[in-house]
């Protein structure tokens, strides 16, 4: 089956008073993948709705409450998204008059100008230098990843969803190598593995909530300061490594990052149904 590319955009909507209101946009576009299509969403409110639904199945009324928009407005957006195949809905088993909304697609990236100037400056500063340690394979690997990230930023592409999915896959492969009966034992094995491959050092800060500090982070240590977290790959890896401890539903939040000016990265891991911690993103 051939995969198609669609753009789901509507420029105007009619509000409850019958007046046409401008569609909300912020100059960014998020790309989503369904089973048959790649769909671009430029609507600010649609992207906000999709981000809310991505956290788990949710009711229509909850979406209305979290967005602060009128029910009629949310209904229009949800109809567009369901028609495009991005979301699906089912009757609430407790109250059949209501419907529960869930994701039927995956984010794959975002078109944004947010970090382009920062990336351009960083690329210019590295030109004419040897930006890795000669003979150090870990340093070279870190540099190649950095080039990949900064070139994507320079072109206006945020690839965090792809990096997270890659991290999830690699984390599943690594899980048997660091398995242990205790959290402390697992973190110790993880740190030993990280150090042996030049990926950094992992320290167990706390078990309640589970908090990890990474120093010398290979993913972001040498990236430019952007003001938001840059460790989507690590988030994916950690999500897979701690899936068993959190009943297959871990939520990994990066609260400190080299890209926000810290000299380390800090991750807090909880159950996915727990309230979120403040992120650096």
C-alpha atoms as a PDB file:
ATOM      1  CA  UNK A   1       0.000   0.000   0.000  1.00  0.00           C
ATOM      2  CA  UNK A   2       1.394   3.401  -0.970  1.00  0.00           C
ATOM      3  CA  UNK A   3       1.801   5.911   1.852  1.00  0.00           C
ATOM      4  CA  UNK A   4       0.296   9.321   1.174  1.00  0.00           C
ATOM      5  CA  UNK A   5       1.045  12.728   2.610  1.00  0.00           C
ATOM      6  CA  UNK A   6      -1.800  14.979   3.681  1.00  0.00           C
ATOM      7  CA  UNK A   7      -2.008  18.455   5.154  1.00  0.00           C
ATOM      8  CA  UNK A   8      -4.903  18.989   7.527  1.00  0.00           C
ATOM      9  CA  UNK A   9      -5.479  22.738   7.742  1.00  0.00           C
ATOM     10  CA  UNK A  10      -8.562  24.870   8.212  1.00  0.00           C
ATOM     11  CA  UNK A  11      -8.141  28.620   8.195  1.00  0.00           C
ATOM     12  CA  UNK A  12     -11.356  29.824   9.780  1.00  0.00           C
ATOM     13  CA  UNK A  13     -13.988  28.593  12.181  1.00  0.00           C
ATOM     14  CA  UNK A  14     -17.387  29.888  13.172  1.00  0.00           C
ATOM     15  CA  UNK A  15     -17.694  30.592  16.899  1.00  0.00           C
ATOM     16  CA  UNK A  16     -20.821  30.169  18.996  1.00  0.00           C
ATOM     17  CA  UNK A  17     -21.959  33.706  18.186  1.00  0.00           C
ATOM     18  CA  UNK A  18     -21.833  32.895  14.488  1.00  0.00           C
ATOM     19  CA  UNK A  19     -18.787  35.070  13.774  1.00  0.00           C
ATOM     20  CA  UNK A  20     -15.795  33.797  11.829  1.00  0.00           C
ATOM     21  CA  UNK A  21     -12.670  33.627  13.999  1.00  0.00           C
ATOM     22  CA  UNK A  22      -9.070  33.312  12.796  1.00  0.00           C
ATOM     23  CA  UNK A  23      -7.501  29.904  13.133  1.00  0.00           C
ATOM     24  CA  UNK A  24      -4.719  29.804  15.735  1.00  0.00           C
ATOM     25  CA  UNK A  25      -1.209  29.310  14.335  1.00  0.00           C
ATOM     26  CA  UNK A  26       2.283  29.861  15.691  1.00  0.00           C
ATOM     27  CA  UNK A  27       4.340  29.149  12.563  1.00  0.00           C
ATOM     28  CA  UNK A  28       5.101  25.542  13.520  1.00  0.00           C
ATOM     29  CA  UNK A  29       3.971  22.280  11.963  1.00  0.00           C
ATOM     30  CA  UNK A  30       3.912  18.845  13.605  1.00  0.00           C
ATOM     31  CA  UNK A  31       4.072  15.685  11.500  1.00  0.00           C
ATOM     32  CA  UNK A  32       2.118  12.573  12.459  1.00  0.00           C
ATOM     33  CA  UNK A  33       2.232   9.064  11.048  1.00  0.00           C
ATOM     34  CA  UNK A  34      -0.806   6.823  10.672  1.00  0.00           C
ATOM     35  CA  UNK A  35      -0.852   3.344   9.127  1.00  0.00           C
ATOM     36  CA  UNK A  36      -1.338   4.797   5.646  1.00  0.00           C
ATOM     37  CA  UNK A  37      -0.446   8.495   5.763  1.00  0.00           C
ATOM     38  CA  UNK A  38       1.929  11.180   6.964  1.00  0.00           C
ATOM     39  CA  UNK A  39      -0.155  14.142   8.093  1.00  0.00           C
ATOM     40  CA  UNK A  40       1.006  17.695   8.789  1.00  0.00           C
ATOM     41  CA  UNK A  41      -0.820  19.740  11.419  1.00  0.00           C
ATOM     42  CA  UNK A  42      -0.200  23.478  11.616  1.00  0.00           C
ATOM     43  CA  UNK A  43      -3.098  24.326  13.938  1.00  0.00           C
ATOM     44  CA  UNK A  44      -1.969  25.332  17.428  1.00  0.00           C
ATOM     45  CA  UNK A  45      -5.137  24.065  19.099  1.00  0.00           C
ATOM     46  CA  UNK A  46      -5.116  20.790  17.147  1.00  0.00           C
ATOM     47  CA  UNK A  47      -1.520  20.162  18.187  1.00  0.00           C
ATOM     48  CA  UNK A  48      -2.423  20.959  21.774  1.00  0.00           C
ATOM     49  CA  UNK A  49      -5.338  18.531  21.662  1.00  0.00           C
ATOM     50  CA  UNK A  50      -3.136  15.798  20.208  1.00  0.00           C
ATOM     51  CA  UNK A  51      -0.524  16.365  22.910  1.00  0.00           C
ATOM     52  CA  UNK A  52      -3.225  15.974  25.585  1.00  0.00           C
ATOM     53  CA  UNK A  53      -4.588  12.776  24.025  1.00  0.00           C
ATOM     54  CA  UNK A  54      -1.049  11.364  23.642  1.00  0.00           C
ATOM     55  CA  UNK A  55      -0.837  11.121  27.445  1.00  0.00           C
ATOM     56  CA  UNK A  56      -3.591   8.497  27.433  1.00  0.00           C
ATOM     57  CA  UNK A  57      -7.252   7.929  26.674  1.00  0.00           C
ATOM     58  CA  UNK A  58      -9.292  10.909  27.791  1.00  0.00           C
ATOM     59  CA  UNK A  59     -12.884  12.120  27.743  1.00  0.00           C
ATOM     60  CA  UNK A  60     -14.272  14.936  25.627  1.00  0.00           C
ATOM     61  CA  UNK A  61     -15.109  17.007  28.709  1.00  0.00           C
ATOM     62  CA  UNK A  62     -11.546  16.677  30.020  1.00  0.00           C
ATOM     63  CA  UNK A  63     -10.160  17.951  26.724  1.00  0.00           C
ATOM     64  CA  UNK A  64     -12.514  20.928  26.877  1.00  0.00           C
ATOM     65  CA  UNK A  65     -11.409  21.673  30.436  1.00  0.00           C
ATOM     66  CA  UNK A  66      -7.665  21.381  29.672  1.00  0.00           C
ATOM     67  CA  UNK A  67      -7.819  23.558  26.546  1.00  0.00           C
ATOM     68  CA  UNK A  68     -10.179  26.195  27.902  1.00  0.00           C
ATOM     69  CA  UNK A  69     -12.029  26.221  24.587  1.00  0.00           C
ATOM     70  CA  UNK A  70     -15.753  26.047  23.898  1.00  0.00           C
ATOM     71  CA  UNK A  71     -17.283  22.598  23.434  1.00  0.00           C
ATOM     72  CA  UNK A  72     -18.365  23.493  19.905  1.00  0.00           C
ATOM     73  CA  UNK A  73     -14.785  24.464  18.976  1.00  0.00           C
ATOM     74  CA  UNK A  74     -13.313  21.255  20.385  1.00  0.00           C
ATOM     75  CA  UNK A  75     -15.979  19.198  18.607  1.00  0.00           C
ATOM     76  CA  UNK A  76     -14.944  20.665  15.253  1.00  0.00           C
ATOM     77  CA  UNK A  77     -11.257  19.957  15.866  1.00  0.00           C
ATOM     78  CA  UNK A  78     -11.894  16.412  17.096  1.00  0.00           C
ATOM     79  CA  UNK A  79     -14.038  15.676  14.054  1.00  0.00           C
ATOM     80  CA  UNK A  80     -11.224  16.876  11.766  1.00  0.00           C
ATOM     81  CA  UNK A  81      -8.635  14.787  13.602  1.00  0.00           C
ATOM     82  CA  UNK A  82     -10.775  11.643  13.607  1.00  0.00           C
ATOM     83  CA  UNK A  83     -11.609  12.048   9.920  1.00  0.00           C
ATOM     84  CA  UNK A  84      -7.884  12.306   9.200  1.00  0.00           C
ATOM     85  CA  UNK A  85      -7.277   9.071  11.121  1.00  0.00           C
ATOM     86  CA  UNK A  86      -5.151  10.718  13.825  1.00  0.00           C
ATOM     87  CA  UNK A  87      -7.459   9.812  16.716  1.00  0.00           C
ATOM     88  CA  UNK A  88     -10.237   7.350  17.450  1.00  0.00           C
ATOM     89  CA  UNK A  89     -13.104   7.328  19.911  1.00  0.00           C
ATOM     90  CA  UNK A  90     -15.321   4.828  21.689  1.00  0.00           C
ATOM     91  CA  UNK A  91     -18.331   5.014  24.023  1.00  0.00           C
ATOM     92  CA  UNK A  92     -17.525   5.477  27.699  1.00  0.00           C
ATOM     93  CA  UNK A  93     -18.410   2.090  29.296  1.00  0.00           C
ATOM     94  CA  UNK A  94     -19.618   3.910  32.430  1.00  0.00           C
ATOM     95  CA  UNK A  95     -21.751   6.494  30.628  1.00  0.00           C
ATOM     96  CA  UNK A  96     -22.649   5.688  26.999  1.00  0.00           C
ATOM     97  CA  UNK A  97     -23.697   9.299  26.412  1.00  0.00           C
ATOM     98  CA  UNK A  98     -20.007  10.230  26.559  1.00  0.00           C
ATOM     99  CA  UNK A  99     -17.042   9.233  24.393  1.00  0.00           C
ATOM    100  CA  UNK A 100     -13.418   8.474  25.196  1.00  0.00           C
ATOM    101  CA  UNK A 101     -10.747   9.742  22.815  1.00  0.00           C
ATOM    102  CA  UNK A 102      -7.409   8.028  22.111  1.00  0.00           C
ATOM    103  CA  UNK A 103      -4.461   8.404  19.719  1.00  0.00           C
ATOM    104  CA  UNK A 104      -4.440   6.494  16.455  1.00  0.00           C
ATOM    105  CA  UNK A 105      -1.150   7.949  15.195  1.00  0.00           C
ATOM    106  CA  UNK A 106       2.436   8.736  16.233  1.00  0.00           C
ATOM    107  CA  UNK A 107       4.285  12.083  16.130  1.00  0.00           C
ATOM    108  CA  UNK A 108       7.383  11.896  13.948  1.00  0.00           C
ATOM    109  CA  UNK A 109       8.754  15.426  14.064  1.00  0.00           C
ATOM    110  CA  UNK A 110       8.112  19.139  14.036  1.00  0.00           C
ATOM    111  CA  UNK A 111       8.920  21.917  11.592  1.00  0.00           C
ATOM    112  CA  UNK A 112      10.053  24.890  13.658  1.00  0.00           C
ATOM    113  CA  UNK A 113      12.270  27.955  13.489  1.00  0.00           C
ATOM    114  CA  UNK A 114      12.870  27.923  17.250  1.00  0.00           C
ATOM    115  CA  UNK A 115      16.476  26.653  17.268  1.00  0.00           C
ATOM    116  CA  UNK A 116      17.709  27.526  13.771  1.00  0.00           C
ATOM    117  CA  UNK A 117      19.848  30.551  14.662  1.00  0.00           C
ATOM    118  CA  UNK A 118      21.385  28.722  17.624  1.00  0.00           C
ATOM    119  CA  UNK A 119      22.246  25.740  15.409  1.00  0.00           C
ATOM    120  CA  UNK A 120      23.702  27.938  12.678  1.00  0.00           C
ATOM    121  CA  UNK A 121      25.986  29.662  15.186  1.00  0.00           C
ATOM    122  CA  UNK A 122      27.103  26.319  16.627  1.00  0.00           C
ATOM    123  CA  UNK A 123      27.847  24.865  13.165  1.00  0.00           C
ATOM    124  CA  UNK A 124      29.857  27.956  12.221  1.00  0.00           C
ATOM    125  CA  UNK A 125      31.908  27.773  15.437  1.00  0.00           C
ATOM    126  CA  UNK A 126      32.834  24.119  14.806  1.00  0.00           C
ATOM    127  CA  UNK A 127      33.972  24.697  11.233  1.00  0.00           C
ATOM    128  CA  UNK A 128      37.747  24.406  10.804  1.00  0.00           C
ATOM    129  CA  UNK A 129      38.247  22.534  14.112  1.00  0.00           C
ATOM    130  CA  UNK A 130      38.563  18.877  15.077  1.00  0.00           C
ATOM    131  CA  UNK A 131      35.401  18.623  17.211  1.00  0.00           C
ATOM    132  CA  UNK A 132      36.168  15.165  18.622  1.00  0.00           C
ATOM    133  CA  UNK A 133      39.110  13.445  20.303  1.00  0.00           C
ATOM    134  CA  UNK A 134      41.265  11.632  17.749  1.00  0.00           C
ATOM    135  CA  UNK A 135      41.349   7.889  18.409  1.00  0.00           C
ATOM    136  CA  UNK A 136      38.339   8.048  20.768  1.00  0.00           C
ATOM    137  CA  UNK A 137      35.458   6.199  19.110  1.00  0.00           C
ATOM    138  CA  UNK A 138      32.933   7.382  21.731  1.00  0.00           C
ATOM    139  CA  UNK A 139      33.922  11.002  21.099  1.00  0.00           C
ATOM    140  CA  UNK A 140      33.542  10.491  17.343  1.00  0.00           C
ATOM    141  CA  UNK A 141      30.144   8.817  17.795  1.00  0.00           C
ATOM    142  CA  UNK A 142      28.978  11.705  19.976  1.00  0.00           C
ATOM    143  CA  UNK A 143      30.147  14.156  17.311  1.00  0.00           C
ATOM    144  CA  UNK A 144      28.292  12.359  14.511  1.00  0.00           C
ATOM    145  CA  UNK A 145      25.088  12.391  16.564  1.00  0.00           C
ATOM    146  CA  UNK A 146      25.614  16.091  17.306  1.00  0.00           C
ATOM    147  CA  UNK A 147      26.068  16.873  13.598  1.00  0.00           C
ATOM    148  CA  UNK A 148      22.862  14.966  12.809  1.00  0.00           C
ATOM    149  CA  UNK A 149      20.952  16.921  15.464  1.00  0.00           C
ATOM    150  CA  UNK A 150      22.303  20.377  14.632  1.00  0.00           C
ATOM    151  CA  UNK A 151      21.838  19.943  10.873  1.00  0.00           C
ATOM    152  CA  UNK A 152      18.208  18.984  11.502  1.00  0.00           C
ATOM    153  CA  UNK A 153      17.814  22.060  13.742  1.00  0.00           C
ATOM    154  CA  UNK A 154      19.469  24.213  11.076  1.00  0.00           C
ATOM    155  CA  UNK A 155      16.886  23.033   8.549  1.00  0.00           C
ATOM    156  CA  UNK A 156      14.037  23.726  10.972  1.00  0.00           C
ATOM    157  CA  UNK A 157      13.302  20.118  11.944  1.00  0.00           C
ATOM    158  CA  UNK A 158      12.783  18.854  15.476  1.00  0.00           C
ATOM    159  CA  UNK A 159      13.318  15.076  15.376  1.00  0.00           C
ATOM    160  CA  UNK A 160      12.723  14.296  19.063  1.00  0.00           C
ATOM    161  CA  UNK A 161       9.900  11.778  18.402  1.00  0.00           C
ATOM    162  CA  UNK A 162      12.171   9.728  16.119  1.00  0.00           C
ATOM    163  CA  UNK A 163      15.014   9.872  18.639  1.00  0.00           C
ATOM    164  CA  UNK A 164      12.687   8.722  21.433  1.00  0.00           C
ATOM    165  CA  UNK A 165      11.380   5.798  19.362  1.00  0.00           C
ATOM    166  CA  UNK A 166      14.978   4.828  18.532  1.00  0.00           C
ATOM    167  CA  UNK A 167      15.829   5.005  22.234  1.00  0.00           C
ATOM    168  CA  UNK A 168      12.881   2.773  23.120  1.00  0.00           C
ATOM    169  CA  UNK A 169      14.101   0.140  20.674  1.00  0.00           C
ATOM    170  CA  UNK A 170      17.704   0.281  21.865  1.00  0.00           C
ATOM    171  CA  UNK A 171      16.572   0.241  25.499  1.00  0.00           C
ATOM    172  CA  UNK A 172      14.696  -3.021  24.876  1.00  0.00           C
ATOM    173  CA  UNK A 173      17.906  -4.528  23.494  1.00  0.00           C
ATOM    174  CA  UNK A 174      19.952  -3.304  26.479  1.00  0.00           C
ATOM    175  CA  UNK A 175      17.456  -4.367  29.168  1.00  0.00           C
ATOM    176  CA  UNK A 176      18.781  -7.955  29.632  1.00  0.00           C
ATOM    177  CA  UNK A 177      22.334  -6.632  30.060  1.00  0.00           C
ATOM    178  CA  UNK A 178      21.466  -4.422  33.047  1.00  0.00           C
ATOM    179  CA  UNK A 179      18.683  -6.480  34.647  1.00  0.00           C
ATOM    180  CA  UNK A 180      18.878  -6.715  38.443  1.00  0.00           C
ATOM    181  CA  UNK A 181      16.601  -7.521  41.375  1.00  0.00           C
ATOM    182  CA  UNK A 182      16.986  -4.015  42.806  1.00  0.00           C
ATOM    183  CA  UNK A 183      16.777  -0.546  41.314  1.00  0.00           C
ATOM    184  CA  UNK A 184      20.157   0.353  42.805  1.00  0.00           C
ATOM    185  CA  UNK A 185      21.721  -2.740  41.253  1.00  0.00           C
ATOM    186  CA  UNK A 186      20.226  -1.957  37.856  1.00  0.00           C
ATOM    187  CA  UNK A 187      21.475   1.651  37.946  1.00  0.00           C
ATOM    188  CA  UNK A 188      24.941   0.436  38.943  1.00  0.00           C
ATOM    189  CA  UNK A 189      25.039  -1.905  35.925  1.00  0.00           C
ATOM    190  CA  UNK A 190      23.733   0.862  33.685  1.00  0.00           C
ATOM    191  CA  UNK A 191      26.452   3.239  34.846  1.00  0.00           C
ATOM    192  CA  UNK A 192      29.141   0.601  34.281  1.00  0.00           C
ATOM    193  CA  UNK A 193      27.825   0.028  30.746  1.00  0.00           C
ATOM    194  CA  UNK A 194      27.606   3.769  30.028  1.00  0.00           C
ATOM    195  CA  UNK A 195      31.171   4.350  31.246  1.00  0.00           C
ATOM    196  CA  UNK A 196      32.612   1.415  29.316  1.00  0.00           C
ATOM    197  CA  UNK A 197      31.266   2.897  26.066  1.00  0.00           C
ATOM    198  CA  UNK A 198      32.035   6.527  26.891  1.00  0.00           C
ATOM    199  CA  UNK A 199      28.371   7.496  27.177  1.00  0.00           C
ATOM    200  CA  UNK A 200      28.656   9.247  30.542  1.00  0.00           C
ATOM    201  CA  UNK A 201      28.137   8.380  34.207  1.00  0.00           C
ATOM    202  CA  UNK A 202      24.767   7.577  35.804  1.00  0.00           C
ATOM    203  CA  UNK A 203      24.123   8.249  39.501  1.00  0.00           C
ATOM    204  CA  UNK A 204      21.081   7.165  41.507  1.00  0.00           C
ATOM    205  CA  UNK A 205      19.956  10.332  43.283  1.00  0.00           C
ATOM    206  CA  UNK A 206      16.744   8.975  44.808  1.00  0.00           C
ATOM    207  CA  UNK A 207      14.467   5.939  44.578  1.00  0.00           C
ATOM    208  CA  UNK A 208      11.318   7.836  45.644  1.00  0.00           C
ATOM    209  CA  UNK A 209      10.732   9.260  43.150  1.00  0.00           C
ATOM    210  CA  UNK A 210      13.282   7.456  41.016  1.00  0.00           C
ATOM    211  CA  UNK A 211      15.770  10.172  40.056  1.00  0.00           C
ATOM    212  CA  UNK A 212      18.868   9.679  37.921  1.00  0.00           C
ATOM    213  CA  UNK A 213      21.691  12.127  37.215  1.00  0.00           C
ATOM    214  CA  UNK A 214      23.799  11.740  34.075  1.00  0.00           C
ATOM    215  CA  UNK A 215      27.149  13.483  33.842  1.00  0.00           C
ATOM    216  CA  UNK A 216      29.081  13.644  30.573  1.00  0.00           C
ATOM    217  CA  UNK A 217      25.864  12.904  28.663  1.00  0.00           C
ATOM    218  CA  UNK A 218      26.858  11.774  25.166  1.00  0.00           C
ATOM    219  CA  UNK A 219      23.551  12.947  23.697  1.00  0.00           C
ATOM    220  CA  UNK A 220      23.578  16.604  24.698  1.00  0.00           C
ATOM    221  CA  UNK A 221      26.787  17.620  26.515  1.00  0.00           C
ATOM    222  CA  UNK A 222      28.209  19.415  23.474  1.00  0.00           C
ATOM    223  CA  UNK A 223      24.966  20.610  21.921  1.00  0.00           C
ATOM    224  CA  UNK A 224      24.283  24.364  21.882  1.00  0.00           C
ATOM    225  CA  UNK A 225      22.261  25.951  24.687  1.00  0.00           C
ATOM    226  CA  UNK A 226      18.669  26.022  23.469  1.00  0.00           C
ATOM    227  CA  UNK A 227      16.774  26.631  26.698  1.00  0.00           C
ATOM    228  CA  UNK A 228      14.957  23.291  26.531  1.00  0.00           C
ATOM    229  CA  UNK A 229      15.816  19.647  27.073  1.00  0.00           C
ATOM    230  CA  UNK A 230      17.573  17.704  24.303  1.00  0.00           C
ATOM    231  CA  UNK A 231      17.634  14.116  25.575  1.00  0.00           C
ATOM    232  CA  UNK A 232      14.736  12.486  23.734  1.00  0.00           C
ATOM    233  CA  UNK A 233      16.913   9.477  22.894  1.00  0.00           C
ATOM    234  CA  UNK A 234      17.861   8.961  26.564  1.00  0.00           C
ATOM    235  CA  UNK A 235      14.207   9.317  27.567  1.00  0.00           C
ATOM    236  CA  UNK A 236      13.353   6.471  25.201  1.00  0.00           C
ATOM    237  CA  UNK A 237      16.171   4.274  26.520  1.00  0.00           C
ATOM    238  CA  UNK A 238      15.228   4.881  30.168  1.00  0.00           C
ATOM    239  CA  UNK A 239      11.540   4.245  29.426  1.00  0.00           C
ATOM    240  CA  UNK A 240      12.376   0.765  28.127  1.00  0.00           C
ATOM    241  CA  UNK A 241      14.900  -0.047  30.860  1.00  0.00           C
ATOM    242  CA  UNK A 242      12.433   0.760  33.659  1.00  0.00           C
ATOM    243  CA  UNK A 243       9.229  -0.493  32.059  1.00  0.00           C
ATOM    244  CA  UNK A 244       9.061  -3.512  34.370  1.00  0.00           C
ATOM    245  CA  UNK A 245       9.394  -1.463  37.558  1.00  0.00           C
ATOM    246  CA  UNK A 246       6.574   0.851  36.458  1.00  0.00           C
ATOM    247  CA  UNK A 247       4.138  -1.770  35.133  1.00  0.00           C
ATOM    248  CA  UNK A 248       4.969  -1.117  31.456  1.00  0.00           C
ATOM    249  CA  UNK A 249       3.923   2.526  31.848  1.00  0.00           C
ATOM    250  CA  UNK A 250       6.957   4.601  32.894  1.00  0.00           C
ATOM    251  CA  UNK A 251       6.956   8.354  32.505  1.00  0.00           C
ATOM    252  CA  UNK A 252      10.446   9.792  32.114  1.00  0.00           C
ATOM    253  CA  UNK A 253      10.765  13.552  32.573  1.00  0.00           C
ATOM    254  CA  UNK A 254      14.003  15.451  32.056  1.00  0.00           C
ATOM    255  CA  UNK A 255      14.137  18.275  34.614  1.00  0.00           C
ATOM    256  CA  UNK A 256      17.749  19.417  34.082  1.00  0.00           C
ATOM    257  CA  UNK A 257      19.860  19.313  30.920  1.00  0.00           C
ATOM    258  CA  UNK A 258      23.162  20.532  29.487  1.00  0.00           C
ATOM    259  CA  UNK A 259      21.080  22.297  26.827  1.00  0.00           C
ATOM    260  CA  UNK A 260      19.504  24.481  29.502  1.00  0.00           C
ATOM    261  CA  UNK A 261      22.801  25.469  31.087  1.00  0.00           C
ATOM    262  CA  UNK A 262      23.270  22.709  33.683  1.00  0.00           C
ATOM    263  CA  UNK A 263      26.499  20.694  33.985  1.00  0.00           C
ATOM    264  CA  UNK A 264      24.527  17.432  34.012  1.00  0.00           C
ATOM    265  CA  UNK A 265      21.156  15.943  33.067  1.00  0.00           C
ATOM    266  CA  UNK A 266      18.553  14.817  35.606  1.00  0.00           C
ATOM    267  CA  UNK A 267      15.650  12.465  34.894  1.00  0.00           C
ATOM    268  CA  UNK A 268      12.682  11.668  37.143  1.00  0.00           C
ATOM    269  CA  UNK A 269      10.849   8.401  36.422  1.00  0.00           C
ATOM    270  CA  UNK A 270       7.318   7.705  37.687  1.00  0.00           C
ATOM    271  CA  UNK A 271       4.231   5.776  36.682  1.00  0.00           C
ATOM    272  CA  UNK A 272       2.579   7.247  33.591  1.00  0.00           C
ATOM    273  CA  UNK A 273      -0.643   7.938  35.480  1.00  0.00           C
ATOM    274  CA  UNK A 274       1.131  10.104  38.072  1.00  0.00           C
ATOM    275  CA  UNK A 275       1.086  13.937  37.818  1.00  0.00           C
ATOM    276  CA  UNK A 276       3.878  15.294  35.657  1.00  0.00           C
ATOM    277  CA  UNK A 277       6.945  17.020  37.041  1.00  0.00           C
ATOM    278  CA  UNK A 278       8.061  20.293  35.472  1.00  0.00           C
ATOM    279  CA  UNK A 279      10.234  19.605  32.442  1.00  0.00           C
ATOM    280  CA  UNK A 280      13.039  21.662  30.994  1.00  0.00           C
ATOM    281  CA  UNK A 281      11.413  21.611  27.563  1.00  0.00           C
END
